[in-house]
């Protein structure tokens, strides 16, 4: 067991609920349900950075990375696949109960969030940084 920010990380795989809690702790994070995809979308200022859902009855999250990192992750981990409903070059679906360590999933959430924030106008980024 170890601490990651304000979250206690156990030696077992995380659940969708735990991942959602981690995502919602990000500054400006808002969630909505995409009923057609049966997924919870997490956005910052209306820019998607994570989509939490069940895929093939397994807990999963779709996250945005660079195309190079997405390809590398998919080559190294069978539990990382192109996202079904999003741009496959950038978005990967990661199974939470698979081979990717929780710490790496948290890192990918952080990176996806930062990519979303970086697309925002400077004034909105400044407001988020001051929160």
N, C-alpha and C. Protein backbone atom coordinates (compact mmCIF):
# COMPACT_ATOMS: atom_id res chain seq x y z
N UNK A 1 0.83 -1.18 0.00
CA UNK A 1 0.00 0.00 0.00
C UNK A 1 0.88 1.24 0.00
N UNK A 2 0.53 2.24 -0.83
CA UNK A 2 1.25 3.50 -0.80
C UNK A 2 0.30 4.63 -1.13
N UNK A 3 0.75 5.86 -0.89
CA UNK A 3 -0.11 7.03 -1.09
C UNK A 3 0.22 7.69 -2.41
N UNK A 4 -0.80 8.10 -3.14
CA UNK A 4 -0.64 8.84 -4.38
C UNK A 4 -1.52 10.07 -4.25
N UNK A 5 -0.91 11.19 -3.87
CA UNK A 5 -1.70 12.38 -3.58
C UNK A 5 -2.57 12.09 -2.38
N UNK A 6 -3.86 12.28 -2.54
CA UNK A 6 -4.78 12.01 -1.43
C UNK A 6 -5.43 10.64 -1.55
N UNK A 7 -4.92 9.80 -2.44
CA UNK A 7 -5.52 8.48 -2.64
C UNK A 7 -4.61 7.39 -2.09
N UNK A 8 -5.19 6.42 -1.47
CA UNK A 8 -4.46 5.26 -0.98
C UNK A 8 -4.52 4.18 -2.04
N UNK A 9 -3.38 3.72 -2.48
CA UNK A 9 -3.32 2.74 -3.55
C UNK A 9 -2.99 1.38 -2.94
N UNK A 10 -3.84 0.41 -3.20
CA UNK A 10 -3.66 -0.94 -2.67
C UNK A 10 -2.96 -1.82 -3.70
N UNK A 11 -2.61 -3.01 -3.29
CA UNK A 11 -1.93 -3.95 -4.17
C UNK A 11 -2.86 -4.67 -5.12
N UNK A 12 -4.15 -4.32 -5.14
CA UNK A 12 -5.09 -4.95 -6.07
C UNK A 12 -5.43 -3.97 -7.17
N UNK A 13 -6.00 -4.47 -8.24
CA UNK A 13 -6.33 -3.60 -9.37
C UNK A 13 -7.47 -2.65 -9.03
N UNK A 14 -7.39 -1.47 -9.59
CA UNK A 14 -8.40 -0.46 -9.30
C UNK A 14 -9.72 -0.76 -9.99
N UNK A 15 -10.76 -0.13 -9.50
CA UNK A 15 -12.09 -0.25 -10.07
C UNK A 15 -12.41 1.01 -10.87
N UNK A 16 -13.48 0.94 -11.66
CA UNK A 16 -13.95 2.14 -12.36
C UNK A 16 -14.26 3.26 -11.38
N UNK A 17 -14.86 2.91 -10.26
CA UNK A 17 -15.22 3.90 -9.24
C UNK A 17 -13.99 4.61 -8.69
N UNK A 18 -12.94 3.86 -8.40
CA UNK A 18 -11.71 4.46 -7.88
C UNK A 18 -11.06 5.35 -8.92
N UNK A 19 -11.06 4.91 -10.17
CA UNK A 19 -10.46 5.73 -11.23
C UNK A 19 -11.27 7.00 -11.43
N UNK A 20 -12.58 6.88 -11.40
CA UNK A 20 -13.44 8.05 -11.54
C UNK A 20 -13.17 9.05 -10.42
N UNK A 21 -13.01 8.56 -9.21
CA UNK A 21 -12.69 9.43 -8.08
C UNK A 21 -11.37 10.17 -8.32
N UNK A 22 -10.37 9.47 -8.83
CA UNK A 22 -9.08 10.09 -9.12
C UNK A 22 -9.23 11.18 -10.19
N UNK A 23 -9.97 10.87 -11.25
CA UNK A 23 -10.18 11.84 -12.33
C UNK A 23 -10.92 13.08 -11.83
N UNK A 24 -11.93 12.87 -11.01
CA UNK A 24 -12.75 13.99 -10.53
C UNK A 24 -12.01 14.87 -9.53
N UNK A 25 -10.89 14.40 -9.01
CA UNK A 25 -10.08 15.22 -8.10
C UNK A 25 -9.25 16.25 -8.86
N UNK A 26 -9.20 16.16 -10.18
CA UNK A 26 -8.45 17.12 -11.00
C UNK A 26 -9.18 18.46 -11.03
N UNK A 27 -8.42 19.55 -11.03
CA UNK A 27 -9.00 20.89 -11.07
C UNK A 27 -9.90 21.06 -12.29
N UNK A 28 -11.13 21.49 -12.07
CA UNK A 28 -12.06 21.77 -13.15
C UNK A 28 -12.71 20.55 -13.76
N UNK A 29 -12.46 19.38 -13.23
CA UNK A 29 -13.03 18.15 -13.81
C UNK A 29 -14.55 18.13 -13.64
N UNK A 30 -15.22 17.75 -14.71
CA UNK A 30 -16.68 17.61 -14.71
C UNK A 30 -17.01 16.29 -15.38
N UNK A 31 -18.07 15.65 -14.92
CA UNK A 31 -18.44 14.38 -15.54
C UNK A 31 -19.83 14.46 -16.14
N UNK A 32 -20.01 13.67 -17.17
CA UNK A 32 -21.31 13.52 -17.80
C UNK A 32 -21.41 12.09 -18.31
N UNK A 33 -22.63 11.66 -18.56
CA UNK A 33 -22.84 10.30 -19.04
C UNK A 33 -23.15 10.34 -20.53
N UNK A 34 -22.44 9.54 -21.28
CA UNK A 34 -22.72 9.36 -22.70
C UNK A 34 -23.53 8.07 -22.80
N UNK A 35 -24.86 8.22 -22.84
CA UNK A 35 -25.73 7.05 -22.74
C UNK A 35 -25.59 6.09 -23.92
N UNK A 36 -25.33 6.60 -25.13
CA UNK A 36 -25.17 5.71 -26.28
C UNK A 36 -23.99 4.76 -26.09
N UNK A 37 -22.93 5.25 -25.47
CA UNK A 37 -21.72 4.45 -25.28
C UNK A 37 -21.67 3.81 -23.89
N UNK A 38 -22.67 4.11 -23.04
CA UNK A 38 -22.70 3.61 -21.66
C UNK A 38 -21.38 3.91 -20.96
N UNK A 39 -20.99 5.18 -21.02
CA UNK A 39 -19.70 5.61 -20.48
C UNK A 39 -19.85 6.91 -19.71
N UNK A 40 -18.97 7.09 -18.74
CA UNK A 40 -18.87 8.36 -18.02
C UNK A 40 -17.71 9.13 -18.62
N UNK A 41 -18.01 10.31 -19.14
CA UNK A 41 -16.98 11.15 -19.72
C UNK A 41 -16.51 12.14 -18.67
N UNK A 42 -15.20 12.34 -18.59
CA UNK A 42 -14.63 13.33 -17.68
C UNK A 42 -13.93 14.37 -18.53
N UNK A 43 -14.34 15.62 -18.32
CA UNK A 43 -13.84 16.73 -19.13
C UNK A 43 -13.33 17.84 -18.23
N UNK A 44 -12.46 18.67 -18.79
CA UNK A 44 -12.05 19.91 -18.17
C UNK A 44 -12.40 21.00 -19.18
N UNK A 45 -13.25 21.95 -18.75
CA UNK A 45 -13.70 23.02 -19.65
C UNK A 45 -14.21 22.45 -20.97
N UNK A 46 -14.99 21.39 -20.90
CA UNK A 46 -15.63 20.75 -22.05
C UNK A 46 -14.65 20.02 -22.99
N UNK A 47 -13.42 19.80 -22.55
CA UNK A 47 -12.45 19.03 -23.32
C UNK A 47 -12.28 17.66 -22.65
N UNK A 48 -12.59 16.61 -23.39
CA UNK A 48 -12.54 15.25 -22.86
C UNK A 48 -11.10 14.86 -22.52
N UNK A 49 -10.91 14.27 -21.32
CA UNK A 49 -9.59 13.70 -21.01
C UNK A 49 -9.67 12.25 -20.55
N UNK A 50 -10.85 11.75 -20.21
CA UNK A 50 -10.99 10.34 -19.83
C UNK A 50 -12.43 9.90 -20.05
N UNK A 51 -12.58 8.64 -20.40
CA UNK A 51 -13.91 8.06 -20.53
C UNK A 51 -13.88 6.70 -19.84
N UNK A 52 -14.64 6.59 -18.76
CA UNK A 52 -14.65 5.40 -17.92
C UNK A 52 -15.87 4.56 -18.29
N UNK A 53 -15.64 3.26 -18.47
CA UNK A 53 -16.73 2.39 -18.93
C UNK A 53 -16.38 0.94 -18.68
N UNK A 54 -17.31 0.07 -19.00
CA UNK A 54 -17.07 -1.37 -19.03
C UNK A 54 -16.91 -1.76 -20.50
N UNK A 55 -15.88 -2.53 -20.80
CA UNK A 55 -15.65 -3.04 -22.15
C UNK A 55 -15.50 -4.55 -22.01
N UNK A 56 -16.35 -5.28 -22.71
CA UNK A 56 -16.33 -6.74 -22.62
C UNK A 56 -16.42 -7.19 -21.15
N UNK A 57 -17.27 -6.50 -20.40
CA UNK A 57 -17.52 -6.78 -18.97
C UNK A 57 -16.28 -6.60 -18.10
N UNK A 58 -15.35 -5.76 -18.55
CA UNK A 58 -14.14 -5.46 -17.78
C UNK A 58 -14.06 -3.95 -17.56
N UNK A 59 -13.57 -3.51 -16.38
CA UNK A 59 -13.43 -2.08 -16.14
C UNK A 59 -12.35 -1.50 -17.04
N UNK A 60 -12.65 -0.34 -17.63
CA UNK A 60 -11.72 0.23 -18.60
C UNK A 60 -11.82 1.75 -18.61
N UNK A 61 -10.78 2.38 -19.14
CA UNK A 61 -10.77 3.82 -19.33
C UNK A 61 -10.13 4.12 -20.68
N UNK A 62 -10.67 5.10 -21.38
CA UNK A 62 -10.05 5.59 -22.61
C UNK A 62 -9.32 6.88 -22.27
N UNK A 63 -8.06 6.95 -22.70
CA UNK A 63 -7.20 8.09 -22.40
C UNK A 63 -6.48 8.54 -23.66
N UNK A 64 -6.15 9.83 -23.70
CA UNK A 64 -5.47 10.40 -24.86
C UNK A 64 -3.97 10.49 -24.60
N UNK A 65 -3.19 10.06 -25.59
CA UNK A 65 -1.73 10.17 -25.53
C UNK A 65 -1.24 10.61 -26.91
N UNK A 66 0.05 10.77 -27.03
CA UNK A 66 0.63 10.99 -28.35
C UNK A 66 0.46 9.70 -29.15
N UNK A 67 0.40 9.80 -30.47
CA UNK A 67 0.29 8.58 -31.28
C UNK A 67 1.45 7.60 -31.03
N UNK A 68 2.64 8.15 -30.79
CA UNK A 68 3.81 7.30 -30.56
C UNK A 68 3.67 6.49 -29.26
N UNK A 69 3.23 7.17 -28.19
CA UNK A 69 3.06 6.47 -26.92
C UNK A 69 1.91 5.47 -27.02
N UNK A 70 0.84 5.84 -27.70
CA UNK A 70 -0.28 4.92 -27.87
C UNK A 70 0.19 3.63 -28.54
N UNK A 71 0.96 3.76 -29.60
CA UNK A 71 1.45 2.58 -30.32
C UNK A 71 2.38 1.74 -29.45
N UNK A 72 3.27 2.39 -28.72
CA UNK A 72 4.19 1.68 -27.84
C UNK A 72 3.44 0.90 -26.75
N UNK A 73 2.47 1.55 -26.12
CA UNK A 73 1.67 0.88 -25.09
C UNK A 73 0.93 -0.33 -25.65
N UNK A 74 0.38 -0.18 -26.83
CA UNK A 74 -0.37 -1.28 -27.45
C UNK A 74 0.54 -2.45 -27.80
N UNK A 75 1.78 -2.14 -28.20
CA UNK A 75 2.73 -3.21 -28.51
C UNK A 75 3.18 -3.95 -27.26
N UNK A 76 3.31 -3.22 -26.15
CA UNK A 76 3.85 -3.82 -24.92
C UNK A 76 2.80 -4.44 -24.01
N UNK A 77 1.54 -4.03 -24.15
CA UNK A 77 0.49 -4.50 -23.24
C UNK A 77 -0.74 -4.93 -24.03
N UNK A 78 -1.11 -6.19 -23.91
CA UNK A 78 -2.29 -6.68 -24.62
C UNK A 78 -3.57 -6.07 -24.07
N UNK A 79 -3.50 -5.47 -22.88
CA UNK A 79 -4.68 -4.85 -22.27
C UNK A 79 -4.80 -3.36 -22.59
N UNK A 80 -4.06 -2.91 -23.59
CA UNK A 80 -4.19 -1.54 -24.10
C UNK A 80 -4.53 -1.67 -25.58
N UNK A 81 -5.69 -1.11 -25.95
CA UNK A 81 -6.18 -1.25 -27.33
C UNK A 81 -6.65 0.10 -27.86
N UNK A 82 -6.74 0.23 -29.18
CA UNK A 82 -7.30 1.47 -29.73
C UNK A 82 -8.74 1.65 -29.24
N UNK A 83 -9.11 2.88 -28.93
CA UNK A 83 -10.47 3.15 -28.46
C UNK A 83 -11.46 2.99 -29.59
N UNK A 84 -12.57 2.40 -29.27
CA UNK A 84 -13.58 2.08 -30.28
C UNK A 84 -14.25 3.33 -30.86
N UNK A 85 -14.59 4.29 -30.01
CA UNK A 85 -15.41 5.42 -30.45
C UNK A 85 -14.62 6.72 -30.62
N UNK A 86 -13.32 6.69 -30.41
CA UNK A 86 -12.52 7.92 -30.46
C UNK A 86 -11.40 7.75 -31.47
N UNK A 87 -10.70 8.84 -31.77
CA UNK A 87 -9.58 8.82 -32.72
C UNK A 87 -8.55 7.79 -32.27
N UNK A 88 -8.42 6.73 -33.02
CA UNK A 88 -7.59 5.60 -32.62
C UNK A 88 -6.10 5.93 -32.58
N UNK A 89 -5.68 6.95 -33.29
CA UNK A 89 -4.26 7.33 -33.27
C UNK A 89 -3.88 7.89 -31.90
N UNK A 90 -4.80 8.60 -31.26
CA UNK A 90 -4.50 9.27 -29.99
C UNK A 90 -5.11 8.59 -28.77
N UNK A 91 -6.25 7.95 -28.94
CA UNK A 91 -7.00 7.44 -27.80
C UNK A 91 -6.85 5.93 -27.67
N UNK A 92 -6.52 5.50 -26.46
CA UNK A 92 -6.39 4.07 -26.17
C UNK A 92 -7.33 3.70 -25.03
N UNK A 93 -7.88 2.50 -25.12
CA UNK A 93 -8.66 1.94 -24.02
C UNK A 93 -7.74 1.05 -23.22
N UNK A 94 -7.69 1.31 -21.92
CA UNK A 94 -6.84 0.57 -21.00
C UNK A 94 -7.74 -0.22 -20.06
N UNK A 95 -7.55 -1.53 -20.02
CA UNK A 95 -8.30 -2.35 -19.06
C UNK A 95 -7.68 -2.18 -17.68
N UNK A 96 -8.50 -1.85 -16.70
CA UNK A 96 -8.00 -1.59 -15.35
C UNK A 96 -7.57 -2.87 -14.64
N UNK A 97 -8.09 -4.00 -15.06
CA UNK A 97 -7.77 -5.27 -14.41
C UNK A 97 -6.70 -6.05 -15.17
N UNK A 98 -5.97 -5.38 -16.04
CA UNK A 98 -5.02 -6.06 -16.90
C UNK A 98 -3.57 -5.92 -16.48
N UNK A 99 -2.69 -5.95 -17.47
CA UNK A 99 -1.25 -6.02 -17.23
C UNK A 99 -0.61 -4.68 -16.90
N UNK A 100 -1.29 -3.58 -17.17
CA UNK A 100 -0.70 -2.27 -16.90
C UNK A 100 -0.81 -1.96 -15.41
N UNK A 101 0.31 -1.65 -14.75
CA UNK A 101 0.25 -1.33 -13.31
C UNK A 101 -0.61 -0.10 -13.05
N UNK A 102 -1.26 -0.08 -11.89
CA UNK A 102 -2.10 1.06 -11.53
C UNK A 102 -1.33 2.37 -11.60
N UNK A 103 -0.08 2.35 -11.14
CA UNK A 103 0.73 3.58 -11.14
C UNK A 103 0.87 4.13 -12.56
N UNK A 104 0.99 3.27 -13.55
CA UNK A 104 1.11 3.73 -14.93
C UNK A 104 -0.23 4.26 -15.44
N UNK A 105 -1.32 3.66 -15.01
CA UNK A 105 -2.64 4.17 -15.40
C UNK A 105 -2.84 5.57 -14.82
N UNK A 106 -2.47 5.77 -13.56
CA UNK A 106 -2.58 7.11 -12.96
C UNK A 106 -1.72 8.11 -13.73
N UNK A 107 -0.53 7.70 -14.12
CA UNK A 107 0.35 8.57 -14.91
C UNK A 107 -0.32 8.94 -16.23
N UNK A 108 -0.93 7.97 -16.90
CA UNK A 108 -1.60 8.23 -18.18
C UNK A 108 -2.80 9.15 -18.00
N UNK A 109 -3.54 9.01 -16.90
CA UNK A 109 -4.65 9.93 -16.60
C UNK A 109 -4.10 11.34 -16.45
N UNK A 110 -3.02 11.48 -15.69
CA UNK A 110 -2.42 12.80 -15.49
C UNK A 110 -1.98 13.42 -16.81
N UNK A 111 -1.36 12.61 -17.67
CA UNK A 111 -0.89 13.10 -18.96
C UNK A 111 -2.05 13.48 -19.87
N UNK A 112 -3.12 12.70 -19.86
CA UNK A 112 -4.29 13.00 -20.67
C UNK A 112 -4.95 14.30 -20.20
N UNK A 113 -5.05 14.45 -18.88
CA UNK A 113 -5.60 15.69 -18.31
C UNK A 113 -4.75 16.88 -18.74
N UNK A 114 -3.44 16.75 -18.64
CA UNK A 114 -2.55 17.86 -18.99
C UNK A 114 -2.68 18.21 -20.47
N UNK A 115 -2.84 17.21 -21.33
CA UNK A 115 -3.05 17.49 -22.76
C UNK A 115 -4.32 18.30 -22.96
N UNK A 116 -5.38 17.93 -22.24
CA UNK A 116 -6.65 18.67 -22.36
C UNK A 116 -6.47 20.10 -21.88
N UNK A 117 -5.82 20.28 -20.75
CA UNK A 117 -5.59 21.63 -20.21
C UNK A 117 -4.77 22.46 -21.18
N UNK A 118 -3.77 21.86 -21.81
CA UNK A 118 -2.91 22.59 -22.73
C UNK A 118 -3.65 23.10 -23.96
N UNK A 119 -4.81 22.53 -24.28
CA UNK A 119 -5.58 23.01 -25.43
C UNK A 119 -6.46 24.21 -25.08
N UNK A 120 -6.59 24.51 -23.79
CA UNK A 120 -7.46 25.60 -23.35
C UNK A 120 -6.81 26.95 -23.59
N UNK A 121 -7.64 27.99 -23.76
CA UNK A 121 -7.09 29.34 -23.85
C UNK A 121 -6.30 29.69 -22.58
N UNK A 122 -5.34 30.56 -22.72
CA UNK A 122 -4.44 30.90 -21.61
C UNK A 122 -5.19 31.38 -20.37
N UNK A 123 -6.24 32.19 -20.55
CA UNK A 123 -6.96 32.70 -19.38
C UNK A 123 -7.62 31.57 -18.59
N UNK A 124 -8.14 30.56 -19.28
CA UNK A 124 -8.75 29.43 -18.58
C UNK A 124 -7.70 28.57 -17.89
N UNK A 125 -6.53 28.42 -18.53
CA UNK A 125 -5.44 27.67 -17.89
C UNK A 125 -4.98 28.38 -16.62
N UNK A 126 -4.92 29.69 -16.68
CA UNK A 126 -4.50 30.48 -15.52
C UNK A 126 -5.49 30.31 -14.36
N UNK A 127 -6.78 30.35 -14.67
CA UNK A 127 -7.81 30.19 -13.63
C UNK A 127 -7.69 28.80 -12.99
N UNK A 128 -7.49 27.77 -13.81
CA UNK A 128 -7.34 26.41 -13.27
C UNK A 128 -6.11 26.32 -12.37
N UNK A 129 -5.03 26.96 -12.78
CA UNK A 129 -3.78 26.90 -12.01
C UNK A 129 -3.93 27.59 -10.66
N UNK A 130 -4.82 28.58 -10.57
CA UNK A 130 -5.01 29.32 -9.32
C UNK A 130 -5.99 28.63 -8.39
N UNK A 131 -6.73 27.67 -8.90
CA UNK A 131 -7.74 26.99 -8.08
C UNK A 131 -7.12 26.10 -7.04
